[in-house]
PDB file of N, CA and C in Angstrom:
ATOM      1  N   UNK A   1      21.487   5.779  24.260  1.00  0.00           N
ATOM      2  CA  UNK A   1      22.258   4.164  23.552  1.00  0.00           C
ATOM      3  C   UNK A   1      20.569   4.142  22.570  1.00  0.00           C
ATOM      4  N   UNK A   2      19.400   4.469  22.969  1.00  0.00           N
ATOM      5  CA  UNK A   2      18.458   3.491  21.758  1.00  0.00           C
ATOM      6  C   UNK A   2      18.665   4.387  20.333  1.00  0.00           C
ATOM      7  N   UNK A   3      19.117   5.638  20.490  1.00  0.00           N
ATOM      8  CA  UNK A   3      19.569   6.034  19.210  1.00  0.00           C
ATOM      9  C   UNK A   3      20.314   5.148  18.046  1.00  0.00           C
ATOM     10  N   UNK A   4      21.302   5.067  18.987  1.00  0.00           N
ATOM     11  CA  UNK A   4      22.346   4.531  18.617  1.00  0.00           C
ATOM     12  C   UNK A   4      21.937   2.814  17.488  1.00  0.00           C
ATOM     13  N   UNK A   5      21.054   2.046  18.821  1.00  0.00           N
ATOM     14  CA  UNK A   5      20.316   1.341  18.044  1.00  0.00           C
ATOM     15  C   UNK A   5      19.530   1.800  16.897  1.00  0.00           C
ATOM     16  N   UNK A   6      18.790   2.670  17.343  1.00  0.00           N
ATOM     17  CA  UNK A   6      17.633   2.914  15.803  1.00  0.00           C
ATOM     18  C   UNK A   6      19.057   3.269  14.431  1.00  0.00           C
ATOM     19  N   UNK A   7      19.736   3.996  14.708  1.00  0.00           N
ATOM     20  CA  UNK A   7      20.362   4.142  13.214  1.00  0.00           C
ATOM     21  C   UNK A   7      20.894   2.855  12.568  1.00  0.00           C
ATOM     22  N   UNK A   8      21.184   1.471  13.782  1.00  0.00           N
ATOM     23  CA  UNK A   8      21.694   0.217  13.080  1.00  0.00           C
ATOM     24  C   UNK A   8      20.214  -0.371  12.354  1.00  0.00           C
ATOM     25  N   UNK A   9      19.385   0.328  12.857  1.00  0.00           N
ATOM     26  CA  UNK A   9      17.770  -0.408  12.423  1.00  0.00           C
ATOM     27  C   UNK A   9      18.131  -0.271  11.099  1.00  0.00           C
ATOM     28  N   UNK A  10      17.676  -1.035  10.237  1.00  0.00           N
ATOM     29  CA  UNK A  10      17.283  -1.088   8.576  1.00  0.00           C
ATOM     30  C   UNK A  10      15.740  -1.260   8.282  1.00  0.00           C
ATOM     31  N   UNK A  11      15.518  -0.735   6.558  1.00  0.00           N
ATOM     32  CA  UNK A  11      14.062  -0.943   6.398  1.00  0.00           C
ATOM     33  C   UNK A  11      14.183  -2.122   6.214  1.00  0.00           C
ATOM     34  N   UNK A  12      13.132  -2.603   5.562  1.00  0.00           N
ATOM     35  CA  UNK A  12      13.038  -3.240   4.130  1.00  0.00           C
ATOM     36  C   UNK A  12      11.711  -2.774   3.068  1.00  0.00           C
ATOM     37  N   UNK A  13      12.252  -3.165   2.021  1.00  0.00           N
ATOM     38  CA  UNK A  13      11.351  -3.028   0.389  1.00  0.00           C
ATOM     39  C   UNK A  13      11.381  -3.579  -0.415  1.00  0.00           C
ATOM     40  N   UNK A  14       9.690  -3.649  -0.591  1.00  0.00           N
ATOM     41  CA  UNK A  14       8.827  -4.479  -1.643  1.00  0.00           C
ATOM     42  C   UNK A  14       9.332  -4.385  -2.710  1.00  0.00           C
ATOM     43  N   UNK A  15      10.459  -4.770  -3.656  1.00  0.00           N
ATOM     44  CA  UNK A  15      10.583  -4.745  -5.010  1.00  0.00           C
ATOM     45  C   UNK A  15       9.469  -5.351  -6.574  1.00  0.00           C
ATOM     46  N   UNK A  16       8.743  -4.448  -7.322  1.00  0.00           N
ATOM     47  CA  UNK A  16       7.783  -5.282  -7.611  1.00  0.00           C
ATOM     48  C   UNK A  16       8.651  -5.137  -9.284  1.00  0.00           C
ATOM     49  N   UNK A  17       9.003  -5.091  -9.567  1.00  0.00           N
ATOM     50  CA  UNK A  17       9.159  -5.093 -11.971  1.00  0.00           C
ATOM     51  C   UNK A  17       8.347  -6.185 -12.129  1.00  0.00           C
ATOM     52  N   UNK A  18       7.962  -4.990 -13.603  1.00  0.00           N
ATOM     53  CA  UNK A  18       7.178  -5.416 -14.358  1.00  0.00           C
ATOM     54  C   UNK A  18       6.397  -4.410 -15.688  1.00  0.00           C
ATOM     55  N   UNK A  19       5.946  -5.083 -16.551  1.00  0.00           N
ATOM     56  CA  UNK A  19       4.938  -4.491 -17.458  1.00  0.00           C
ATOM     57  C   UNK A  19       4.018  -4.735 -17.799  1.00  0.00           C
ATOM     58  N   UNK A  20       3.228  -3.548 -18.049  1.00  0.00           N
ATOM     59  CA  UNK A  20       2.032  -3.587 -18.446  1.00  0.00           C
ATOM     60  C   UNK A  20       1.455  -3.853 -19.717  1.00  0.00           C
ATOM     61  N   UNK A  21       0.105  -4.125 -19.992  1.00  0.00           N
ATOM     62  CA  UNK A  21      -0.263  -4.450 -21.276  1.00  0.00           C
ATOM     63  C   UNK A  21      -0.398  -2.528 -22.453  1.00  0.00           C
ATOM     64  N   UNK A  22       0.317  -2.944 -23.467  1.00  0.00           N
ATOM     65  CA  UNK A  22       0.366  -1.265 -23.609  1.00  0.00           C
ATOM     66  C   UNK A  22      -0.977   0.030 -23.518  1.00  0.00           C
ATOM     67  N   UNK A  23      -0.415   1.103 -23.011  1.00  0.00           N
ATOM     68  CA  UNK A  23      -1.510   2.335 -22.380  1.00  0.00           C
ATOM     69  C   UNK A  23      -2.071   1.782 -21.445  1.00  0.00           C
ATOM     70  N   UNK A  24      -1.215   0.865 -20.895  1.00  0.00           N
ATOM     71  CA  UNK A  24      -2.515   0.700 -19.247  1.00  0.00           C
ATOM     72  C   UNK A  24      -1.346   1.476 -18.354  1.00  0.00           C
ATOM     73  N   UNK A  25      -1.072   2.080 -18.483  1.00  0.00           N
ATOM     74  CA  UNK A  25       0.394   1.964 -17.752  1.00  0.00           C
ATOM     75  C   UNK A  25      -0.347   3.528 -16.336  1.00  0.00           C
ATOM     76  N   UNK A  26      -0.578   4.384 -17.091  1.00  0.00           N
ATOM     77  CA  UNK A  26      -2.024   5.049 -16.284  1.00  0.00           C
ATOM     78  C   UNK A  26      -2.539   4.745 -15.323  1.00  0.00           C
ATOM     79  N   UNK A  27      -3.532   3.544 -16.015  1.00  0.00           N
ATOM     80  CA  UNK A  27      -4.237   3.303 -14.636  1.00  0.00           C
ATOM     81  C   UNK A  27      -4.107   2.819 -14.601  1.00  0.00           C
ATOM     82  N   UNK A  28      -2.496   1.868 -14.301  1.00  0.00           N
ATOM     83  CA  UNK A  28      -2.030   0.950 -13.127  1.00  0.00           C
ATOM     84  C   UNK A  28      -1.652   1.753 -12.003  1.00  0.00           C
ATOM     85  N   UNK A  29      -1.219   3.123 -12.636  1.00  0.00           N
ATOM     86  CA  UNK A  29      -0.025   4.029 -11.591  1.00  0.00           C
ATOM     87  C   UNK A  29      -1.557   4.846 -10.817  1.00  0.00           C
ATOM     88  N   UNK A  30      -3.084   4.054 -11.047  1.00  0.00           N
ATOM     89  CA  UNK A  30      -4.123   5.147 -10.579  1.00  0.00           C
ATOM     90  C   UNK A  30      -4.347   3.985  -9.796  1.00  0.00           C
ATOM     91  N   UNK A  31      -4.176   3.064  -9.399  1.00  0.00           N
ATOM     92  CA  UNK A  31      -4.473   2.165  -8.639  1.00  0.00           C
ATOM     93  C   UNK A  31      -3.025   1.610  -8.018  1.00  0.00           C
ATOM     94  N   UNK A  32      -2.215   2.067  -7.883  1.00  0.00           N
ATOM     95  CA  UNK A  32      -0.958   1.599  -7.624  1.00  0.00           C
ATOM     96  C   UNK A  32      -1.327   2.420  -6.568  1.00  0.00           C
ATOM     97  N   UNK A  33      -1.191   3.512  -6.291  1.00  0.00           N
ATOM     98  CA  UNK A  33      -1.628   4.543  -5.120  1.00  0.00           C
ATOM     99  C   UNK A  33      -2.775   4.824  -4.981  1.00  0.00           C
ATOM    100  N   UNK A  34      -3.831   4.103  -5.187  1.00  0.00           N
ATOM    101  CA  UNK A  34      -5.105   4.429  -4.487  1.00  0.00           C
ATOM    102  C   UNK A  34      -4.545   2.581  -3.029  1.00  0.00           C
ATOM    103  N   UNK A  35      -3.874   1.731  -4.023  1.00  0.00           N
ATOM    104  CA  UNK A  35      -3.331   0.625  -3.016  1.00  0.00           C
ATOM    105  C   UNK A  35      -2.097   0.943  -1.556  1.00  0.00           C
ATOM    106  N   UNK A  36      -1.813   2.118  -2.521  1.00  0.00           N
ATOM    107  CA  UNK A  36      -1.116   2.152  -1.204  1.00  0.00           C
ATOM    108  C   UNK A  36      -0.979   3.330  -0.111  1.00  0.00           C
ATOM    109  N   UNK A  37      -2.019   4.465  -0.550  1.00  0.00           N
ATOM    110  CA  UNK A  37      -3.058   5.281   0.161  1.00  0.00           C
ATOM    111  C   UNK A  37      -3.746   3.842   1.357  1.00  0.00           C
ATOM    112  N   UNK A  38      -3.579   2.774   1.215  1.00  0.00           N
ATOM    113  CA  UNK A  38      -4.444   1.456   2.279  1.00  0.00           C
ATOM    114  C   UNK A  38      -3.327   1.318   3.565  1.00  0.00           C
ATOM    115  N   UNK A  39      -1.830   2.061   2.713  1.00  0.00           N
ATOM    116  CA  UNK A  39      -0.680   1.060   4.365  1.00  0.00           C
ATOM    117  C   UNK A  39      -1.133   2.190   5.103  1.00  0.00           C
ATOM    118  N   UNK A  40      -0.509   1.418   6.637  1.00  0.00           N
ATOM    119  CA  UNK A  40      -1.064   2.146   7.535  1.00  0.00           C
ATOM    120  C   UNK A  40       0.230   1.786   8.740  1.00  0.00           C
ATOM    121  N   UNK A  41       0.484   0.935   9.132  1.00  0.00           N
ATOM    122  CA  UNK A  41       1.564   1.339  10.529  1.00  0.00           C
ATOM    123  C   UNK A  41       2.475   0.825   9.763  1.00  0.00           C
ATOM    124  N   UNK A  42       4.179   0.790  10.193  1.00  0.00           N
ATOM    125  CA  UNK A  42       5.260   0.360   9.670  1.00  0.00           C
ATOM    126  C   UNK A  42       5.472   1.352   7.882  1.00  0.00           C
ATOM    127  N   UNK A  43       4.521   1.251   7.781  1.00  0.00           N
ATOM    128  CA  UNK A  43       4.711   1.865   5.895  1.00  0.00           C
ATOM    129  C   UNK A  43       5.697   3.050   6.197  1.00  0.00           C
ATOM    130  N   UNK A  44       6.604   3.361   5.288  1.00  0.00           N
ATOM    131  CA  UNK A  44       7.459   4.237   5.197  1.00  0.00           C
ATOM    132  C   UNK A  44       7.963   5.233   3.481  1.00  0.00           C
ATOM    133  N   UNK A  45       7.341   4.443   2.790  1.00  0.00           N
ATOM    134  CA  UNK A  45       7.078   5.089   1.756  1.00  0.00           C
ATOM    135  C   UNK A  45       7.046   4.474   0.251  1.00  0.00           C
ATOM    136  N   UNK A  46       6.574   5.148  -1.136  1.00  0.00           N
ATOM    137  CA  UNK A  46       6.735   4.282  -2.489  1.00  0.00           C
ATOM    138  C   UNK A  46       6.736   4.983  -2.892  1.00  0.00           C
ATOM    139  N   UNK A  47       7.722   4.249  -3.984  1.00  0.00           N
ATOM    140  CA  UNK A  47       8.413   4.728  -5.097  1.00  0.00           C
ATOM    141  C   UNK A  47       7.732   3.782  -6.785  1.00  0.00           C
ATOM    142  N   UNK A  48       6.662   4.285  -7.771  1.00  0.00           N
ATOM    143  CA  UNK A  48       6.538   4.058  -8.770  1.00  0.00           C
ATOM    144  C   UNK A  48       7.533   4.477 -10.069  1.00  0.00           C
ATOM    145  N   UNK A  49       8.288   4.008 -10.567  1.00  0.00           N
ATOM    146  CA  UNK A  49       9.370   4.578 -11.712  1.00  0.00           C
ATOM    147  C   UNK A  49       8.917   4.073 -13.327  1.00  0.00           C
ATOM    148  N   UNK A  50       8.890   4.458 -13.709  1.00  0.00           N
ATOM    149  CA  UNK A  50       8.673   4.021 -15.607  1.00  0.00           C
ATOM    150  C   UNK A  50       9.659   4.378 -16.034  1.00  0.00           C
ATOM    151  N   UNK A  51       9.880   3.036 -16.978  1.00  0.00           N
ATOM    152  CA  UNK A  51      10.574   2.909 -17.786  1.00  0.00           C
ATOM    153  C   UNK A  51      10.161   4.035 -19.699  1.00  0.00           C
ATOM    154  N   UNK A  52      10.707   5.632 -19.069  1.00  0.00           N
ATOM    155  CA  UNK A  52      10.711   5.781 -20.640  1.00  0.00           C
ATOM    156  C   UNK A  52       9.697   5.652 -22.113  1.00  0.00           C
ATOM    157  N   UNK A  53       9.170   5.714 -22.090  1.00  0.00           N
ATOM    158  CA  UNK A  53       8.023   5.658 -23.628  1.00  0.00           C
ATOM    159  C   UNK A  53       8.058   3.971 -23.774  1.00  0.00           C
ATOM    160  N   UNK A  54       7.849   3.855 -22.167  1.00  0.00           N
ATOM    161  CA  UNK A  54       7.623   1.767 -22.320  1.00  0.00           C
ATOM    162  C   UNK A  54       6.467   1.789 -20.892  1.00  0.00           C
ATOM    163  N   UNK A  55       5.652   0.445 -21.156  1.00  0.00           N
ATOM    164  CA  UNK A  55       4.647   0.664 -20.721  1.00  0.00           C
ATOM    165  C   UNK A  55       5.688  -0.518 -18.936  1.00  0.00           C
ATOM    166  N   UNK A  56       7.417  -0.910 -19.043  1.00  0.00           N
ATOM    167  CA  UNK A  56       7.763  -1.385 -17.700  1.00  0.00           C
ATOM    168  C   UNK A  56       7.613  -0.363 -16.638  1.00  0.00           C
ATOM    169  N   UNK A  57       7.747  -0.602 -15.230  1.00  0.00           N
ATOM    170  CA  UNK A  57       7.825  -0.348 -14.648  1.00  0.00           C
ATOM    171  C   UNK A  57       8.146  -1.075 -12.768  1.00  0.00           C
ATOM    172  N   UNK A  58       8.904  -0.891 -12.334  1.00  0.00           N
ATOM    173  CA  UNK A  58       9.255  -0.918 -11.030  1.00  0.00           C
ATOM    174  C   UNK A  58       9.002  -0.338  -9.342  1.00  0.00           C
ATOM    175  N   UNK A  59       8.372  -0.737  -8.448  1.00  0.00           N
ATOM    176  CA  UNK A  59       7.513  -0.105  -7.766  1.00  0.00           C
ATOM    177  C   UNK A  59       8.550  -0.729  -6.525  1.00  0.00           C
ATOM    178  N   UNK A  60       8.819   0.170  -5.580  1.00  0.00           N
ATOM    179  CA  UNK A  60       9.467  -0.259  -4.761  1.00  0.00           C
ATOM    180  C   UNK A  60       8.635   0.570  -3.634  1.00  0.00           C
ATOM    181  N   UNK A  61       8.721  -0.587  -2.331  1.00  0.00           N
ATOM    182  CA  UNK A  61       7.409  -0.285  -1.122  1.00  0.00           C
ATOM    183  C   UNK A  61       8.386  -0.193   0.001  1.00  0.00           C
ATOM    184  N   UNK A  62       8.272   0.486   1.278  1.00  0.00           N
ATOM    185  CA  UNK A  62       9.254   0.691   1.836  1.00  0.00           C
ATOM    186  C   UNK A  62       8.488  -0.009   3.721  1.00  0.00           C
ATOM    187  N   UNK A  63       8.988  -0.252   4.805  1.00  0.00           N
ATOM    188  CA  UNK A  63       8.169  -0.961   5.249  1.00  0.00           C
ATOM    189  C   UNK A  63       9.664  -0.891   6.435  1.00  0.00           C
ATOM    190  N   UNK A  64       9.161  -0.748   7.862  1.00  0.00           N
ATOM    191  CA  UNK A  64       9.723  -0.246   9.076  1.00  0.00           C
ATOM    192  C   UNK A  64      10.462  -2.248   9.464  1.00  0.00           C
ATOM    193  N   UNK A  65       9.566  -2.858   8.941  1.00  0.00           N
ATOM    194  CA  UNK A  65       9.419  -4.466   9.084  1.00  0.00           C
ATOM    195  C   UNK A  65       8.933  -5.240   7.779  1.00  0.00           C
ATOM    196  N   UNK A  66      10.006  -6.365   8.540  1.00  0.00           N
ATOM    197  CA  UNK A  66       8.510  -7.693   7.433  1.00  0.00           C
ATOM    198  C   UNK A  66       6.995  -7.629   7.993  1.00  0.00           C
ATOM    199  N   UNK A  67       7.291  -8.116   8.423  1.00  0.00           N
ATOM    200  CA  UNK A  67       5.384  -8.519   9.836  1.00  0.00           C
ATOM    201  C   UNK A  67       4.983  -7.002   9.391  1.00  0.00           C
ATOM    202  N   UNK A  68       5.035  -6.242   9.541  1.00  0.00           N
ATOM    203  CA  UNK A  68       4.225  -4.682   8.835  1.00  0.00           C
ATOM    204  C   UNK A  68       4.044  -5.165   7.438  1.00  0.00           C
ATOM    205  N   UNK A  69       4.873  -5.308   6.959  1.00  0.00           N
ATOM    206  CA  UNK A  69       4.555  -5.477   4.930  1.00  0.00           C
ATOM    207  C   UNK A  69       3.242  -6.642   5.019  1.00  0.00           C
ATOM    208  N   UNK A  70       3.452  -7.730   5.972  1.00  0.00           N
ATOM    209  CA  UNK A  70       2.727  -8.957   5.955  1.00  0.00           C
ATOM    210  C   UNK A  70       1.405  -8.910   6.064  1.00  0.00           C
ATOM    211  N   UNK A  71       0.943  -7.417   6.954  1.00  0.00           N
ATOM    212  CA  UNK A  71      -0.068  -7.239   7.912  1.00  0.00           C
ATOM    213  C   UNK A  71      -0.797  -5.728   7.135  1.00  0.00           C
ATOM    214  N   UNK A  72      -0.297  -5.534   6.430  1.00  0.00           N
ATOM    215  CA  UNK A  72      -0.877  -4.736   5.337  1.00  0.00           C
ATOM    216  C   UNK A  72      -2.619  -5.070   4.269  1.00  0.00           C
ATOM    217  N   UNK A  73      -2.616  -5.987   4.153  1.00  0.00           N
ATOM    218  CA  UNK A  73      -4.282  -6.397   3.472  1.00  0.00           C
ATOM    219  C   UNK A  73      -5.213  -6.112   3.835  1.00  0.00           C
ATOM    220  N   UNK A  74      -5.671  -5.791   3.296  1.00  0.00           N
ATOM    221  CA  UNK A  74      -7.207  -5.455   4.292  1.00  0.00           C
ATOM    222  C   UNK A  74      -8.059  -5.425   2.075  1.00  0.00           C
ATOM    223  N   UNK A  75      -9.410  -5.466   2.855  1.00  0.00           N
ATOM    224  CA  UNK A  75     -10.405  -5.489   1.385  1.00  0.00           C
ATOM    225  C   UNK A  75      -9.831  -4.909   0.344  1.00  0.00           C
ATOM    226  N   UNK A  76      -9.548  -3.018   0.698  1.00  0.00           N
ATOM    227  CA  UNK A  76      -9.888  -2.973  -0.193  1.00  0.00           C
ATOM    228  C   UNK A  76      -8.790  -3.208  -0.883  1.00  0.00           C
ATOM    229  N   UNK A  77      -7.284  -3.681  -0.017  1.00  0.00           N
ATOM    230  CA  UNK A  77      -6.429  -3.084  -1.026  1.00  0.00           C
ATOM    231  C   UNK A  77      -6.780  -4.979  -1.779  1.00  0.00           C
ATOM    232  N   UNK A  78      -7.072  -5.927  -1.885  1.00  0.00           N
ATOM    233  CA  UNK A  78      -7.538  -6.633  -2.087  1.00  0.00           C
ATOM    234  C   UNK A  78      -8.106  -7.016  -3.699  1.00  0.00           C
ATOM    235  N   UNK A  79      -8.830  -6.239  -3.395  1.00  0.00           N
ATOM    236  CA  UNK A  79      -9.910  -5.314  -4.213  1.00  0.00           C
ATOM    237  C   UNK A  79      -9.126  -5.099  -5.784  1.00  0.00           C
ATOM    238  N   UNK A  80      -8.614  -3.988  -4.365  1.00  0.00           N
ATOM    239  CA  UNK A  80      -7.333  -2.759  -5.369  1.00  0.00           C
ATOM    240  C   UNK A  80      -6.503  -4.085  -6.451  1.00  0.00           C
ATOM    241  N   UNK A  81      -5.902  -4.872  -5.612  1.00  0.00           N
ATOM    242  CA  UNK A  81      -4.716  -5.411  -6.063  1.00  0.00           C
ATOM    243  C   UNK A  81      -5.323  -6.669  -7.386  1.00  0.00           C
ATOM    244  N   UNK A  82      -6.567  -6.630  -7.247  1.00  0.00           N
ATOM    245  CA  UNK A  82      -7.271  -7.492  -8.080  1.00  0.00           C
ATOM    246  C   UNK A  82      -7.383  -7.280  -9.616  1.00  0.00           C
ATOM    247  N   UNK A  83      -8.007  -6.200  -9.523  1.00  0.00           N
ATOM    248  CA  UNK A  83      -7.968  -4.853 -10.257  1.00  0.00           C
ATOM    249  C   UNK A  83      -6.652  -4.433 -11.044  1.00  0.00           C
ATOM    250  N   UNK A  84      -5.573  -4.712 -10.202  1.00  0.00           N
ATOM    251  CA  UNK A  84      -4.458  -3.932 -11.275  1.00  0.00           C
ATOM    252  C   UNK A  84      -3.953  -5.263 -11.754  1.00  0.00           C
ATOM    253  N   UNK A  85      -4.101  -6.772 -11.654  1.00  0.00           N
ATOM    254  CA  UNK A  85      -3.556  -7.648 -12.142  1.00  0.00           C
ATOM    255  C   UNK A  85      -3.678  -8.000 -13.187  1.00  0.00           C
ATOM    256  N   UNK A  86      -4.989  -7.634 -14.210  1.00  0.00           N
ATOM    257  CA  UNK A  86      -5.472  -8.155 -15.086  1.00  0.00           C
ATOM    258  C   UNK A  86      -4.569  -7.445 -15.819  1.00  0.00           C
ATOM    259  N   UNK A  87      -4.449  -6.113 -16.166  1.00  0.00           N
ATOM    260  CA  UNK A  87      -3.387  -5.004 -16.320  1.00  0.00           C
ATOM    261  C   UNK A  87      -1.551  -5.389 -16.776  1.00  0.00           C
ATOM    262  N   UNK A  88      -1.080  -6.394 -16.058  1.00  0.00           N
ATOM    263  CA  UNK A  88      -0.114  -6.713 -16.723  1.00  0.00           C
ATOM    264  C   UNK A  88       0.277  -7.503 -17.730  1.00  0.00           C
ATOM    265  N   UNK A  89       1.212  -8.005 -18.669  1.00  0.00           N
ATOM    266  CA  UNK A  89       1.414  -8.935 -19.715  1.00  0.00           C
ATOM    267  C   UNK A  89       2.077 -10.146 -19.220  1.00  0.00           C
ATOM    268  N   UNK A  90       2.212  -9.898 -17.541  1.00  0.00           N
ATOM    269  CA  UNK A  90       2.148 -11.116 -17.093  1.00  0.00           C
ATOM    270  C   UNK A  90       2.856 -10.979 -15.443  1.00  0.00           C
ATOM    271  N   UNK A  91       2.713 -12.392 -14.598  1.00  0.00           N
ATOM    272  CA  UNK A  91       2.973 -11.223 -13.067  1.00  0.00           C
ATOM    273  C   UNK A  91       4.573 -11.136 -13.327  1.00  0.00           C
ATOM    274  N   UNK A  92       4.297  -9.644 -12.377  1.00  0.00           N
ATOM    275  CA  UNK A  92       5.279  -9.159 -12.104  1.00  0.00           C
ATOM    276  C   UNK A  92       6.667  -9.764 -11.214  1.00  0.00           C
ATOM    277  N   UNK A  93       8.204  -9.855 -11.470  1.00  0.00           N
ATOM    278  CA  UNK A  93       8.378 -11.102 -10.439  1.00  0.00           C
ATOM    279  C   UNK A  93       8.951  -9.394  -9.547  1.00  0.00           C
ATOM    280  N   UNK A  94       8.957  -9.895  -8.373  1.00  0.00           N
ATOM    281  CA  UNK A  94       8.469  -9.803  -6.737  1.00  0.00           C
ATOM    282  C   UNK A  94       9.993 -10.323  -5.863  1.00  0.00           C
ATOM    283  N   UNK A  95      10.505  -8.968  -4.691  1.00  0.00           N
ATOM    284  CA  UNK A  95      11.544  -9.181  -4.181  1.00  0.00           C
ATOM    285  C   UNK A  95      11.329  -8.618  -2.750  1.00  0.00           C
ATOM    286  N   UNK A  96      12.223  -9.611  -1.595  1.00  0.00           N
ATOM    287  CA  UNK A  96      12.188  -8.401  -0.639  1.00  0.00           C
ATOM    288  C   UNK A  96      13.441  -7.672  -0.142  1.00  0.00           C
ATOM    289  N   UNK A  97      14.091  -7.043  -0.144  1.00  0.00           N
ATOM    290  CA  UNK A  97      15.417  -6.478   0.162  1.00  0.00           C
ATOM    291  C   UNK A  97      15.430  -5.602   1.837  1.00  0.00           C
ATOM    292  N   UNK A  98      16.553  -5.738   2.738  1.00  0.00           N
ATOM    293  CA  UNK A  98      16.799  -4.923   3.557  1.00  0.00           C
ATOM    294  C   UNK A  98      17.799  -3.581   3.050  1.00  0.00           C
ATOM    295  N   UNK A  99      17.129  -3.167   3.272  1.00  0.00           N
ATOM    296  CA  UNK A  99      17.640  -1.467   2.860  1.00  0.00           C
ATOM    297  C   UNK A  99      19.183  -0.859   3.684  1.00  0.00           C
ATOM    298  N   UNK A 100      19.970  -1.104   3.123  1.00  0.00           N
ATOM    299  CA  UNK A 100      21.685  -0.582   4.007  1.00  0.00           C
ATOM    300  C   UNK A 100      21.966   0.711   3.995  1.00  0.00           C
ATOM    301  N   UNK A 101      21.703   1.159   2.865  1.00  0.00           N
ATOM    302  CA  UNK A 101      21.375   2.108   3.060  1.00  0.00           C
ATOM    303  C   UNK A 101      21.478   3.408   2.925  1.00  0.00           C
ATOM    304  N   UNK A 102      20.931   4.389   3.143  1.00  0.00           N
ATOM    305  CA  UNK A 102      20.224   5.758   2.522  1.00  0.00           C
ATOM    306  C   UNK A 102      20.554   6.790   2.706  1.00  0.00           C
ATOM    307  N   UNK A 103      21.321   7.963   1.695  1.00  0.00           N
ATOM    308  CA  UNK A 103      21.697   8.906   1.544  1.00  0.00           C
ATOM    309  C   UNK A 103      20.502   9.739   0.817  1.00  0.00           C
ATOM    310  N   UNK A 104      20.693  10.959   1.877  1.00  0.00           N
ATOM    311  CA  UNK A 104      19.936  11.606   0.803  1.00  0.00           C
ATOM    312  C   UNK A 104      18.629  11.798   0.354  1.00  0.00           C
ATOM    313  N   UNK A 105      17.945  11.129   1.376  1.00  0.00           N
ATOM    314  CA  UNK A 105      16.531  10.947   1.411  1.00  0.00           C
ATOM    315  C   UNK A 105      15.790  11.768   1.828  1.00  0.00           C
ATOM    316  N   UNK A 106      14.952  11.978   2.349  1.00  0.00           N
ATOM    317  CA  UNK A 106      13.589  13.413   3.743  1.00  0.00           C
ATOM    318  C   UNK A 106      13.459  11.754   4.895  1.00  0.00           C
ATOM    319  N   UNK A 107      13.478  12.022   5.390  1.00  0.00           N
ATOM    320  CA  UNK A 107      13.525  10.745   6.684  1.00  0.00           C
ATOM    321  C   UNK A 107      11.941  10.334   6.682  1.00  0.00           C
ATOM    322  N   UNK A 108      11.019  11.074   6.219  1.00  0.00           N
ATOM    323  CA  UNK A 108       9.645  10.409   6.132  1.00  0.00           C
ATOM    324  C   UNK A 108       9.043  10.806   5.265  1.00  0.00           C
ATOM    325  N   UNK A 109       7.875   9.829   4.068  1.00  0.00           N
ATOM    326  CA  UNK A 109       7.368  10.130   2.819  1.00  0.00           C
ATOM    327  C   UNK A 109       6.203  11.107   3.336  1.00  0.00           C
ATOM    328  N   UNK A 110       5.346  11.274   2.620  1.00  0.00           N
ATOM    329  CA  UNK A 110       3.803  11.864   2.978  1.00  0.00           C
ATOM    330  C   UNK A 110       2.645  11.457   2.801  1.00  0.00           C
ATOM    331  N   UNK A 111       2.340  10.041   2.906  1.00  0.00           N
ATOM    332  CA  UNK A 111       0.605  10.328   1.119  1.00  0.00           C
ATOM    333  C   UNK A 111      -0.280  10.190   1.400  1.00  0.00           C
ATOM    334  N   UNK A 112      -0.434  11.207   0.413  1.00  0.00           N
ATOM    335  CA  UNK A 112      -1.870  11.647   1.490  1.00  0.00           C
ATOM    336  C   UNK A 112      -2.722  10.253   1.025  1.00  0.00           C
ATOM    337  N   UNK A 113      -3.785  10.264   1.930  1.00  0.00           N
ATOM    338  CA  UNK A 113      -4.713   8.885   1.963  1.00  0.00           C
ATOM    339  C   UNK A 113      -6.042   9.262   1.292  1.00  0.00           C
ATOM    340  N   UNK A 114      -5.856   8.757  -0.140  1.00  0.00           N
ATOM    341  CA  UNK A 114      -7.757   8.492  -0.883  1.00  0.00           C
ATOM    342  C   UNK A 114      -8.482   7.502  -0.182  1.00  0.00           C
ATOM    343  N   UNK A 115      -9.384   8.206   0.032  1.00  0.00           N
ATOM    344  CA  UNK A 115     -11.396   7.149  -0.445  1.00  0.00           C
ATOM    345  C   UNK A 115     -11.449   6.681  -1.573  1.00  0.00           C
ATOM    346  N   UNK A 116     -11.573   5.212  -0.494  1.00  0.00           N
ATOM    347  CA  UNK A 116     -12.026   4.865  -1.836  1.00  0.00           C
ATOM    348  C   UNK A 116     -13.121   4.460  -1.609  1.00  0.00           C
TER     349      UNK A 116
END
């Protein structure tokens, strides 16, 4: 019966939509990857998307539950967040979503941990 309830359990997604200053997307991407590499318990994967020929992007970070999402802040993460914040043209718009459907996605996304 546990398998049945596991199928009904949904992940949560943190979604951030923003625009970086001209030419800053590459630096922001590097910092994003460093920040994501610090995540642990409950982290299920992350995507960073860039609109072609622009510095606009969308970040999606998947978590098992909201509590894990809120507990991931570390000193390293906060330092990286401070470094990336000055690259935005204005603060990004962020939201939380319940993932209602996953079709054709791999079960686990492997993230290489980057020493900081």
